[in-house]
Amino acid sequence: VYLQMDILRPEDTAVYYCNADLWAYTRPFWGQGTQV
């Protein structure tokens, strides 16, 4: 999955986390987070 971020603002500053819901799993999985 991709996230193209344009016209970024200071208020967009955050740790961004990827999330994926996989079939047959009871809860979604998370990425480690990446700083923007």
PDB file of all heavy atoms in Angstrom:
ATOM      1  N   VAL A   1       0.849  -1.178   0.000  1.00  0.00           N
ATOM      2  CA  VAL A   1       0.000   0.000   0.000  1.00  0.00           C
ATOM      3  C   VAL A   1       0.890   1.234   0.000  1.00  0.00           C
ATOM      4  O   VAL A   1       1.963   1.238   0.601  1.00  0.00           O
ATOM      5  CB  VAL A   1      -0.964   0.001   1.208  1.00  0.00           C
ATOM      6  CG1 VAL A   1      -0.198   0.063   2.531  1.00  0.00           C
ATOM      7  CG2 VAL A   1      -1.958   1.150   1.107  1.00  0.00           C
ATOM      8  N   TYR A   2       0.434   2.268  -0.678  1.00  0.00           N
ATOM      9  CA  TYR A   2       1.188   3.502  -0.806  1.00  0.00           C
ATOM     10  C   TYR A   2       0.374   4.678  -0.291  1.00  0.00           C
ATOM     11  O   TYR A   2      -0.858   4.653  -0.303  1.00  0.00           O
ATOM     12  CB  TYR A   2       1.559   3.774  -2.264  1.00  0.00           C
ATOM     13  CG  TYR A   2       2.266   2.637  -2.954  1.00  0.00           C
ATOM     14  CD1 TYR A   2       1.553   1.699  -3.701  1.00  0.00           C
ATOM     15  CD2 TYR A   2       3.644   2.498  -2.868  1.00  0.00           C
ATOM     16  CE1 TYR A   2       2.199   0.657  -4.337  1.00  0.00           C
ATOM     17  CE2 TYR A   2       4.303   1.455  -3.504  1.00  0.00           C
ATOM     18  CZ  TYR A   2       3.575   0.536  -4.237  1.00  0.00           C
ATOM     19  OH  TYR A   2       4.221  -0.498  -4.868  1.00  0.00           O
ATOM     20  N   LEU A   3       1.073   5.695   0.130  1.00  0.00           N
ATOM     21  CA  LEU A   3       0.431   6.952   0.485  1.00  0.00           C
ATOM     22  C   LEU A   3       1.237   8.081  -0.137  1.00  0.00           C
ATOM     23  O   LEU A   3       2.346   8.374   0.309  1.00  0.00           O
ATOM     24  CB  LEU A   3       0.345   7.133   2.001  1.00  0.00           C
ATOM     25  CG  LEU A   3      -0.410   8.383   2.459  1.00  0.00           C
ATOM     26  CD1 LEU A   3      -1.898   8.267   2.122  1.00  0.00           C
ATOM     27  CD2 LEU A   3      -0.222   8.610   3.958  1.00  0.00           C
ATOM     28  N   GLN A   4       0.678   8.679  -1.167  1.00  0.00           N
ATOM     29  CA  GLN A   4       1.292   9.839  -1.796  1.00  0.00           C
ATOM     30  C   GLN A   4       0.806  11.078  -1.067  1.00  0.00           C
ATOM     31  O   GLN A   4      -0.396  11.349  -1.028  1.00  0.00           O
ATOM     32  CB  GLN A   4       0.922   9.914  -3.278  1.00  0.00           C
ATOM     33  CG  GLN A   4       1.479  11.126  -4.001  1.00  0.00           C
ATOM     34  CD  GLN A   4       2.980  11.099  -4.115  1.00  0.00           C
ATOM     35  OE1 GLN A   4       3.561  10.060  -4.411  1.00  0.00           O
ATOM     36  NE2 GLN A   4       3.616  12.230  -3.880  1.00  0.00           N
ATOM     37  N   MET A   5       1.721  11.820  -0.491  1.00  0.00           N
ATOM     38  CA  MET A   5       1.387  12.992   0.304  1.00  0.00           C
ATOM     39  C   MET A   5       1.913  14.233  -0.401  1.00  0.00           C
ATOM     40  O   MET A   5       3.123  14.391  -0.564  1.00  0.00           O
ATOM     41  CB  MET A   5       1.971  12.879   1.708  1.00  0.00           C
ATOM     42  CG  MET A   5       1.530  11.623   2.455  1.00  0.00           C
ATOM     43  SD  MET A   5       2.146  11.576   4.160  1.00  0.00           S
ATOM     44  CE  MET A   5       3.906  11.397   3.848  1.00  0.00           C
ATOM     45  N   ASP A   6       1.006  15.091  -0.800  1.00  0.00           N
ATOM     46  CA  ASP A   6       1.355  16.324  -1.490  1.00  0.00           C
ATOM     47  C   ASP A   6       0.879  17.525  -0.685  1.00  0.00           C
ATOM     48  O   ASP A   6      -0.007  17.415   0.159  1.00  0.00           O
ATOM     49  CB  ASP A   6       0.731  16.361  -2.885  1.00  0.00           C
ATOM     50  CG  ASP A   6       1.218  15.254  -3.789  1.00  0.00           C
ATOM     51  OD1 ASP A   6       2.437  14.982  -3.798  1.00  0.00           O
ATOM     52  OD2 ASP A   6       0.376  14.651  -4.497  1.00  0.00           O
ATOM     53  N   ILE A   7       1.449  18.674  -0.978  1.00  0.00           N
ATOM     54  CA  ILE A   7       1.110  19.931  -0.312  1.00  0.00           C
ATOM     55  C   ILE A   7       1.138  19.733   1.199  1.00  0.00           C
ATOM     56  O   ILE A   7       0.201  20.070   1.918  1.00  0.00           O
ATOM     57  CB  ILE A   7      -0.265  20.461  -0.778  1.00  0.00           C
ATOM     58  CG1 ILE A   7      -0.472  20.248  -2.281  1.00  0.00           C
ATOM     59  CG2 ILE A   7      -0.396  21.955  -0.459  1.00  0.00           C
ATOM     60  CD1 ILE A   7      -1.837  20.645  -2.789  1.00  0.00           C
ATOM     61  N   LEU A   8       2.213  19.187   1.667  1.00  0.00           N
ATOM     62  CA  LEU A   8       2.333  18.882   3.084  1.00  0.00           C
ATOM     63  C   LEU A   8       2.368  20.143   3.937  1.00  0.00           C
ATOM     64  O   LEU A   8       2.920  21.166   3.538  1.00  0.00           O
ATOM     65  CB  LEU A   8       3.583  18.045   3.340  1.00  0.00           C
ATOM     66  CG  LEU A   8       3.435  16.571   2.952  1.00  0.00           C
ATOM     67  CD1 LEU A   8       4.798  15.924   2.771  1.00  0.00           C
ATOM     68  CD2 LEU A   8       2.621  15.833   4.003  1.00  0.00           C
ATOM     69  N   ARG A   9       1.771  20.037   5.093  1.00  0.00           N
ATOM     70  CA  ARG A   9       1.687  21.131   6.052  1.00  0.00           C
ATOM     71  C   ARG A   9       2.383  20.742   7.350  1.00  0.00           C
ATOM     72  O   ARG A   9       2.503  19.564   7.656  1.00  0.00           O
ATOM     73  CB  ARG A   9       0.218  21.453   6.348  1.00  0.00           C
ATOM     74  CG  ARG A   9      -0.625  21.778   5.138  1.00  0.00           C
ATOM     75  CD  ARG A   9      -2.090  21.741   5.502  1.00  0.00           C
ATOM     76  NE  ARG A   9      -2.954  22.088   4.375  1.00  0.00           N
ATOM     77  CZ  ARG A   9      -4.266  21.906   4.361  1.00  0.00           C
ATOM     78  NH1 ARG A   9      -4.885  21.389   5.414  1.00  0.00           N
ATOM     79  NH2 ARG A   9      -4.967  22.246   3.279  1.00  0.00           N
ATOM     80  N   PRO A  10       2.821  21.728   8.126  1.00  0.00           N
ATOM     81  CA  PRO A  10       3.439  21.398   9.415  1.00  0.00           C
ATOM     82  C   PRO A  10       2.542  20.532  10.297  1.00  0.00           C
ATOM     83  O   PRO A  10       3.046  19.677  11.035  1.00  0.00           O
ATOM     84  CB  PRO A  10       3.685  22.772  10.046  1.00  0.00           C
ATOM     85  CG  PRO A  10       3.887  23.668   8.875  1.00  0.00           C
ATOM     86  CD  PRO A  10       2.925  23.162   7.830  1.00  0.00           C
ATOM     87  N   GLU A  11       1.254  20.727  10.227  1.00  0.00           N
ATOM     88  CA  GLU A  11       0.336  19.945  11.037  1.00  0.00           C
ATOM     89  C   GLU A  11       0.214  18.490  10.583  1.00  0.00           C
ATOM     90  O   GLU A  11      -0.426  17.680  11.256  1.00  0.00           O
ATOM     91  CB  GLU A  11      -1.057  20.597  11.086  1.00  0.00           C
ATOM     92  CG  GLU A  11      -1.588  21.014   9.739  1.00  0.00           C
ATOM     93  CD  GLU A  11      -1.320  22.481   9.414  1.00  0.00           C
ATOM     94  OE1 GLU A  11      -0.174  22.939   9.602  1.00  0.00           O
ATOM     95  OE2 GLU A  11      -2.255  23.175   8.973  1.00  0.00           O
ATOM     96  N   ASP A  12       0.824  18.157   9.452  1.00  0.00           N
ATOM     97  CA  ASP A  12       0.890  16.762   9.025  1.00  0.00           C
ATOM     98  C   ASP A  12       2.003  16.002   9.738  1.00  0.00           C
ATOM     99  O   ASP A  12       2.110  14.783   9.584  1.00  0.00           O
ATOM    100  CB  ASP A  12       1.113  16.669   7.513  1.00  0.00           C
ATOM    101  CG  ASP A  12      -0.073  17.186   6.713  1.00  0.00           C
ATOM    102  OD1 ASP A  12      -1.225  16.900   7.096  1.00  0.00           O
ATOM    103  OD2 ASP A  12       0.163  17.867   5.699  1.00  0.00           O
ATOM    104  N   THR A  13       2.821  16.710  10.472  1.00  0.00           N
ATOM    105  CA  THR A  13       3.919  16.079  11.198  1.00  0.00           C
ATOM    106  C   THR A  13       3.385  15.064  12.198  1.00  0.00           C
ATOM    107  O   THR A  13       2.561  15.395  13.053  1.00  0.00           O
ATOM    108  CB  THR A  13       4.764  17.124  11.927  1.00  0.00           C
ATOM    109  OG1 THR A  13       5.378  17.993  10.966  1.00  0.00           O
ATOM    110  CG2 THR A  13       5.855  16.468  12.764  1.00  0.00           C
ATOM    111  N   ALA A  14       3.848  13.833  12.089  1.00  0.00           N
ATOM    112  CA  ALA A  14       3.369  12.754  12.941  1.00  0.00           C
ATOM    113  C   ALA A  14       4.140  11.484  12.616  1.00  0.00           C
ATOM    114  O   ALA A  14       4.891  11.425  11.644  1.00  0.00           O
ATOM    115  CB  ALA A  14       1.871  12.520  12.726  1.00  0.00           C
ATOM    116  N   VAL A  15       3.935  10.478  13.442  1.00  0.00           N
ATOM    117  CA  VAL A  15       4.377   9.140  13.102  1.00  0.00           C
ATOM    118  C   VAL A  15       3.253   8.481  12.322  1.00  0.00           C
ATOM    119  O   VAL A  15       2.111   8.451  12.779  1.00  0.00           O
ATOM    120  CB  VAL A  15       4.725   8.307  14.347  1.00  0.00           C
ATOM    121  CG1 VAL A  15       5.123   6.894  13.948  1.00  0.00           C
ATOM    122  CG2 VAL A  15       5.842   8.970  15.130  1.00  0.00           C
ATOM    123  N   TYR A  16       3.577   7.971  11.163  1.00  0.00           N
ATOM    124  CA  TYR A  16       2.586   7.348  10.299  1.00  0.00           C
ATOM    125  C   TYR A  16       2.705   5.834  10.391  1.00  0.00           C
ATOM    126  O   TYR A  16       3.792   5.271  10.269  1.00  0.00           O
ATOM    127  CB  TYR A  16       2.780   7.801   8.853  1.00  0.00           C
ATOM    128  CG  TYR A  16       2.270   9.203   8.602  1.00  0.00           C
ATOM    129  CD1 TYR A  16       2.921  10.303   9.155  1.00  0.00           C
ATOM    130  CD2 TYR A  16       1.130   9.423   7.833  1.00  0.00           C
ATOM    131  CE1 TYR A  16       2.445  11.590   8.954  1.00  0.00           C
ATOM    132  CE2 TYR A  16       0.662  10.707   7.620  1.00  0.00           C
ATOM    133  CZ  TYR A  16       1.317  11.785   8.182  1.00  0.00           C
ATOM    134  OH  TYR A  16       0.837  13.057   7.971  1.00  0.00           O
ATOM    135  N   TYR A  17       1.575   5.182  10.597  1.00  0.00           N
ATOM    136  CA  TYR A  17       1.530   3.740  10.779  1.00  0.00           C
ATOM    137  C   TYR A  17       0.727   3.068   9.680  1.00  0.00           C
ATOM    138  O   TYR A  17      -0.385   3.490   9.365  1.00  0.00           O
ATOM    139  CB  TYR A  17       0.891   3.384  12.118  1.00  0.00           C
ATOM    140  CG  TYR A  17       1.645   3.882  13.333  1.00  0.00           C
ATOM    141  CD1 TYR A  17       1.359   5.119  13.895  1.00  0.00           C
ATOM    142  CD2 TYR A  17       2.636   3.102  13.916  1.00  0.00           C
ATOM    143  CE1 TYR A  17       2.038   5.576  15.010  1.00  0.00           C
ATOM    144  CE2 TYR A  17       3.323   3.551  15.030  1.00  0.00           C
ATOM    145  CZ  TYR A  17       3.020   4.787  15.573  1.00  0.00           C
ATOM    146  OH  TYR A  17       3.700   5.225  16.683  1.00  0.00           O
ATOM    147  N   CYS A  18       1.274   2.015   9.146  1.00  0.00           N
ATOM    148  CA  CYS A  18       0.570   1.183   8.182  1.00  0.00           C
ATOM    149  C   CYS A  18      -0.273   0.153   8.918  1.00  0.00           C
ATOM    150  O   CYS A  18       0.123  -0.362   9.971  1.00  0.00           O
ATOM    151  CB  CYS A  18       1.591   0.493   7.277  1.00  0.00           C
ATOM    152  SG  CYS A  18       0.889  -0.588   6.023  1.00  0.00           S
ATOM    153  N   ASN A  19      -1.420  -0.140   8.367  1.00  0.00           N
ATOM    154  CA  ASN A  19      -2.350  -1.089   8.965  1.00  0.00           C
ATOM    155  C   ASN A  19      -2.891  -2.005   7.872  1.00  0.00           C
ATOM    156  O   ASN A  19      -3.207  -1.552   6.777  1.00  0.00           O
ATOM    157  CB  ASN A  19      -3.490  -0.320   9.645  1.00  0.00           C
ATOM    158  CG  ASN A  19      -4.613  -1.207  10.137  1.00  0.00           C
ATOM    159  OD1 ASN A  19      -5.469  -1.622   9.358  1.00  0.00           O
ATOM    160  ND2 ASN A  19      -4.621  -1.486  11.432  1.00  0.00           N
ATOM    161  N   ALA A  20      -2.997  -3.295   8.178  1.00  0.00           N
ATOM    162  CA  ALA A  20      -3.518  -4.253   7.209  1.00  0.00           C
ATOM    163  C   ALA A  20      -4.398  -5.274   7.894  1.00  0.00           C
ATOM    164  O   ALA A  20      -4.007  -5.866   8.902  1.00  0.00           O
ATOM    165  CB  ALA A  20      -2.382  -4.956   6.476  1.00  0.00           C
ATOM    166  N   ASP A  21      -5.569  -5.472   7.334  1.00  0.00           N
ATOM    167  CA  ASP A  21      -6.515  -6.465   7.816  1.00  0.00           C
ATOM    168  C   ASP A  21      -6.396  -7.691   6.917  1.00  0.00           C
ATOM    169  O   ASP A  21      -6.696  -7.615   5.730  1.00  0.00           O
ATOM    170  CB  ASP A  21      -7.928  -5.892   7.786  1.00  0.00           C
ATOM    171  CG  ASP A  21      -8.978  -6.862   8.275  1.00  0.00           C
ATOM    172  OD1 ASP A  21      -8.632  -7.783   9.040  1.00  0.00           O
ATOM    173  OD2 ASP A  21     -10.155  -6.691   7.903  1.00  0.00           O
ATOM    174  N   LEU A  22      -5.957  -8.802   7.489  1.00  0.00           N
ATOM    175  CA  LEU A  22      -5.757 -10.024   6.724  1.00  0.00           C
ATOM    176  C   LEU A  22      -6.881 -11.017   6.968  1.00  0.00           C
ATOM    177  O   LEU A  22      -7.335 -11.196   8.101  1.00  0.00           O
ATOM    178  CB  LEU A  22      -4.430 -10.690   7.090  1.00  0.00           C
ATOM    179  CG  LEU A  22      -3.167 -10.204   6.390  1.00  0.00           C
ATOM    180  CD1 LEU A  22      -2.859  -8.749   6.735  1.00  0.00           C
ATOM    181  CD2 LEU A  22      -1.989 -11.093   6.756  1.00  0.00           C
ATOM    182  N   TRP A  23      -7.313 -11.644   5.893  1.00  0.00           N
ATOM    183  CA  TRP A  23      -8.334 -12.671   6.000  1.00  0.00           C
ATOM    184  C   TRP A  23      -7.873 -13.796   6.919  1.00  0.00           C
ATOM    185  O   TRP A  23      -6.727 -14.238   6.843  1.00  0.00           O
ATOM    186  CB  TRP A  23      -8.646 -13.227   4.615  1.00  0.00           C
ATOM    187  CG  TRP A  23      -9.674 -14.303   4.616  1.00  0.00           C
ATOM    188  CD1 TRP A  23      -9.477 -15.641   4.443  1.00  0.00           C
ATOM    189  CD2 TRP A  23     -11.087 -14.136   4.802  1.00  0.00           C
ATOM    190  NE1 TRP A  23     -10.656 -16.316   4.504  1.00  0.00           N
ATOM    191  CE2 TRP A  23     -11.677 -15.420   4.730  1.00  0.00           C
ATOM    192  CE3 TRP A  23     -11.905 -13.033   5.023  1.00  0.00           C
ATOM    193  CZ2 TRP A  23     -13.046 -15.621   4.878  1.00  0.00           C
ATOM    194  CZ3 TRP A  23     -13.274 -13.238   5.171  1.00  0.00           C
ATOM    195  CH2 TRP A  23     -13.822 -14.517   5.087  1.00  0.00           C
ATOM    196  N   ALA A  24      -8.761 -14.249   7.800  1.00  0.00           N
ATOM    197  CA  ALA A  24      -8.552 -15.358   8.729  1.00  0.00           C
ATOM    198  C   ALA A  24      -7.798 -14.972  10.001  1.00  0.00           C
ATOM    199  O   ALA A  24      -7.617 -15.811  10.881  1.00  0.00           O
ATOM    200  CB  ALA A  24      -7.851 -16.539   8.066  1.00  0.00           C
ATOM    201  N   TYR A  25      -7.368 -13.709  10.128  1.00  0.00           N
ATOM    202  CA  TYR A  25      -6.791 -13.230  11.363  1.00  0.00           C
ATOM    203  C   TYR A  25      -7.836 -12.432  12.135  1.00  0.00           C
ATOM    204  O   TYR A  25      -8.675 -11.748  11.537  1.00  0.00           O
ATOM    205  CB  TYR A  25      -5.551 -12.375  11.105  1.00  0.00           C
ATOM    206  CG  TYR A  25      -4.344 -13.181  10.697  1.00  0.00           C
ATOM    207  CD1 TYR A  25      -4.121 -13.494   9.363  1.00  0.00           C
ATOM    208  CD2 TYR A  25      -3.431 -13.634  11.642  1.00  0.00           C
ATOM    209  CE1 TYR A  25      -3.024 -14.244   8.981  1.00  0.00           C
ATOM    210  CE2 TYR A  25      -2.329 -14.379  11.266  1.00  0.00           C
ATOM    211  CZ  TYR A  25      -2.132 -14.677   9.940  1.00  0.00           C
ATOM    212  OH  TYR A  25      -1.031 -15.419   9.560  1.00  0.00           O
ATOM    213  N   THR A  26      -7.749 -12.516  13.454  1.00  0.00           N
ATOM    214  CA  THR A  26      -8.777 -11.916  14.298  1.00  0.00           C
ATOM    215  C   THR A  26      -8.628 -10.412  14.480  1.00  0.00           C
ATOM    216  O   THR A  26      -9.571  -9.741  14.897  1.00  0.00           O
ATOM    217  CB  THR A  26      -8.803 -12.577  15.676  1.00  0.00           C
ATOM    218  OG1 THR A  26      -7.522 -12.456  16.292  1.00  0.00           O
ATOM    219  CG2 THR A  26      -9.158 -14.053  15.551  1.00  0.00           C
ATOM    220  N   ARG A  27      -7.455  -9.883  14.199  1.00  0.00           N
ATOM    221  CA  ARG A  27      -7.231  -8.460  14.328  1.00  0.00           C
ATOM    222  C   ARG A  27      -6.191  -8.001  13.321  1.00  0.00           C
ATOM    223  O   ARG A  27      -5.386  -8.804  12.851  1.00  0.00           O
ATOM    224  CB  ARG A  27      -6.798  -8.102  15.750  1.00  0.00           C
ATOM    225  CG  ARG A  27      -5.539  -8.806  16.221  1.00  0.00           C
ATOM    226  CD  ARG A  27      -5.329  -8.558  17.697  1.00  0.00           C
ATOM    227  NE  ARG A  27      -4.161  -9.228  18.215  1.00  0.00           N
ATOM    228  CZ  ARG A  27      -3.877  -9.342  19.496  1.00  0.00           C
ATOM    229  NH1 ARG A  27      -4.685  -8.818  20.404  1.00  0.00           N
ATOM    230  NH2 ARG A  27      -2.783  -9.980  19.884  1.00  0.00           N
ATOM    231  N   PRO A  28      -6.200  -6.721  12.996  1.00  0.00           N
ATOM    232  CA  PRO A  28      -5.268  -6.235  11.981  1.00  0.00           C
ATOM    233  C   PRO A  28      -3.830  -6.173  12.485  1.00  0.00           C
ATOM    234  O   PRO A  28      -3.565  -6.228  13.690  1.00  0.00           O
ATOM    235  CB  PRO A  28      -5.798  -4.839  11.658  1.00  0.00           C
ATOM    236  CG  PRO A  28      -6.501  -4.415  12.909  1.00  0.00           C
ATOM    237  CD  PRO A  28      -7.117  -5.671  13.454  1.00  0.00           C
ATOM    238  N   PHE A  29      -2.914  -6.024  11.541  1.00  0.00           N
ATOM    239  CA  PHE A  29      -1.504  -5.891  11.849  1.00  0.00           C
ATOM    240  C   PHE A  29      -1.058  -4.462  11.617  1.00  0.00           C
ATOM    241  O   PHE A  29      -1.638  -3.735  10.802  1.00  0.00           O
ATOM    242  CB  PHE A  29      -0.675  -6.846  10.993  1.00  0.00           C
ATOM    243  CG  PHE A  29      -0.885  -8.295  11.331  1.00  0.00           C
ATOM    244  CD1 PHE A  29      -1.933  -9.009  10.785  1.00  0.00           C
ATOM    245  CD2 PHE A  29      -0.036  -8.940  12.213  1.00  0.00           C
ATOM    246  CE1 PHE A  29      -2.139 -10.340  11.103  1.00  0.00           C
ATOM    247  CE2 PHE A  29      -0.226 -10.276  12.538  1.00  0.00           C
ATOM    248  CZ  PHE A  29      -1.283 -10.977  11.989  1.00  0.00           C
ATOM    249  N   TRP A  30      -0.012  -4.072  12.322  1.00  0.00           N
ATOM    250  CA  TRP A  30       0.507  -2.719  12.260  1.00  0.00           C
ATOM    251  C   TRP A  30       1.977  -2.705  11.890  1.00  0.00           C
ATOM    252  O   TRP A  30       2.743  -3.595  12.258  1.00  0.00           O
ATOM    253  CB  TRP A  30       0.342  -2.020  13.612  1.00  0.00           C
ATOM    254  CG  TRP A  30      -1.080  -1.764  13.984  1.00  0.00           C
ATOM    255  CD1 TRP A  30      -1.916  -2.606  14.657  1.00  0.00           C
ATOM    256  CD2 TRP A  30      -1.830  -0.581  13.708  1.00  0.00           C
ATOM    257  NE1 TRP A  30      -3.152  -2.017  14.816  1.00  0.00           N
ATOM    258  CE2 TRP A  30      -3.123  -0.775  14.248  1.00  0.00           C
ATOM    259  CE3 TRP A  30      -1.540   0.623  13.068  1.00  0.00           C
ATOM    260  CZ2 TRP A  30      -4.119   0.193  14.154  1.00  0.00           C
ATOM    261  CZ3 TRP A  30      -2.526   1.586  12.976  1.00  0.00           C
ATOM    262  CH2 TRP A  30      -3.799   1.364  13.524  1.00  0.00           C
ATOM    263  N   GLY A  31       2.349  -1.672  11.174  1.00  0.00           N
ATOM    264  CA  GLY A  31       3.747  -1.445  10.901  1.00  0.00           C
ATOM    265  C   GLY A  31       4.437  -0.797  12.085  1.00  0.00           C
ATOM    266  O   GLY A  31       3.810  -0.472  13.098  1.00  0.00           O
ATOM    267  N   GLN A  32       5.730  -0.594  11.947  1.00  0.00           N
ATOM    268  CA  GLN A  32       6.521  -0.058  13.049  1.00  0.00           C
ATOM    269  C   GLN A  32       6.360   1.447  13.225  1.00  0.00           C
ATOM    270  O   GLN A  32       6.719   1.994  14.263  1.00  0.00           O
ATOM    271  CB  GLN A  32       8.005  -0.390  12.828  1.00  0.00           C
ATOM    272  CG  GLN A  32       8.716   0.461  11.776  1.00  0.00           C
ATOM    273  CD  GLN A  32       8.401   0.065  10.343  1.00  0.00           C
ATOM    274  OE1 GLN A  32       7.617  -0.836  10.082  1.00  0.00           O
ATOM    275  NE2 GLN A  32       9.045   0.756   9.398  1.00  0.00           N
ATOM    276  N   GLY A  33       5.841   2.097  12.220  1.00  0.00           N
ATOM    277  CA  GLY A  33       5.697   3.541  12.232  1.00  0.00           C
ATOM    278  C   GLY A  33       6.882   4.218  11.578  1.00  0.00           C
ATOM    279  O   GLY A  33       8.026   3.801  11.753  1.00  0.00           O
ATOM    280  N   THR A  34       6.604   5.262  10.828  1.00  0.00           N
ATOM    281  CA  THR A  34       7.662   6.033  10.192  1.00  0.00           C
ATOM    282  C   THR A  34       7.399   7.516  10.409  1.00  0.00           C
ATOM    283  O   THR A  34       6.268   7.983  10.271  1.00  0.00           O
ATOM    284  CB  THR A  34       7.776   5.698   8.692  1.00  0.00           C
ATOM    285  OG1 THR A  34       8.877   6.403   8.116  1.00  0.00           O
ATOM    286  CG2 THR A  34       6.502   6.055   7.929  1.00  0.00           C
ATOM    287  N   GLN A  35       8.435   8.237  10.771  1.00  0.00           N
ATOM    288  CA  GLN A  35       8.297   9.647  11.109  1.00  0.00           C
ATOM    289  C   GLN A  35       8.207  10.505   9.860  1.00  0.00           C
ATOM    290  O   GLN A  35       9.037  10.393   8.953  1.00  0.00           O
ATOM    291  CB  GLN A  35       9.478  10.107  11.966  1.00  0.00           C
ATOM    292  CG  GLN A  35       9.444  11.591  12.334  1.00  0.00           C
ATOM    293  CD  GLN A  35       8.350  11.916  13.325  1.00  0.00           C
ATOM    294  OE1 GLN A  35       8.191  11.209  14.334  1.00  0.00           O
ATOM    295  NE2 GLN A  35       7.587  12.971  13.043  1.00  0.00           N
ATOM    296  N   VAL A  36       7.208  11.361   9.833  1.00  0.00           N
ATOM    297  CA  VAL A  36       7.091  12.388   8.802  1.00  0.00           C
ATOM    298  C   VAL A  36       7.139  13.739   9.496  1.00  0.00           C
ATOM    299  O   VAL A  36       6.322  14.021  10.374  1.00  0.00           O
ATOM    300  CB  VAL A  36       5.784  12.249   8.002  1.00  0.00           C
ATOM    301  CG1 VAL A  36       5.587  13.453   7.080  1.00  0.00           C
ATOM    302  CG2 VAL A  36       5.790  10.961   7.208  1.00  0.00           C
TER     303      VAL A  36
END
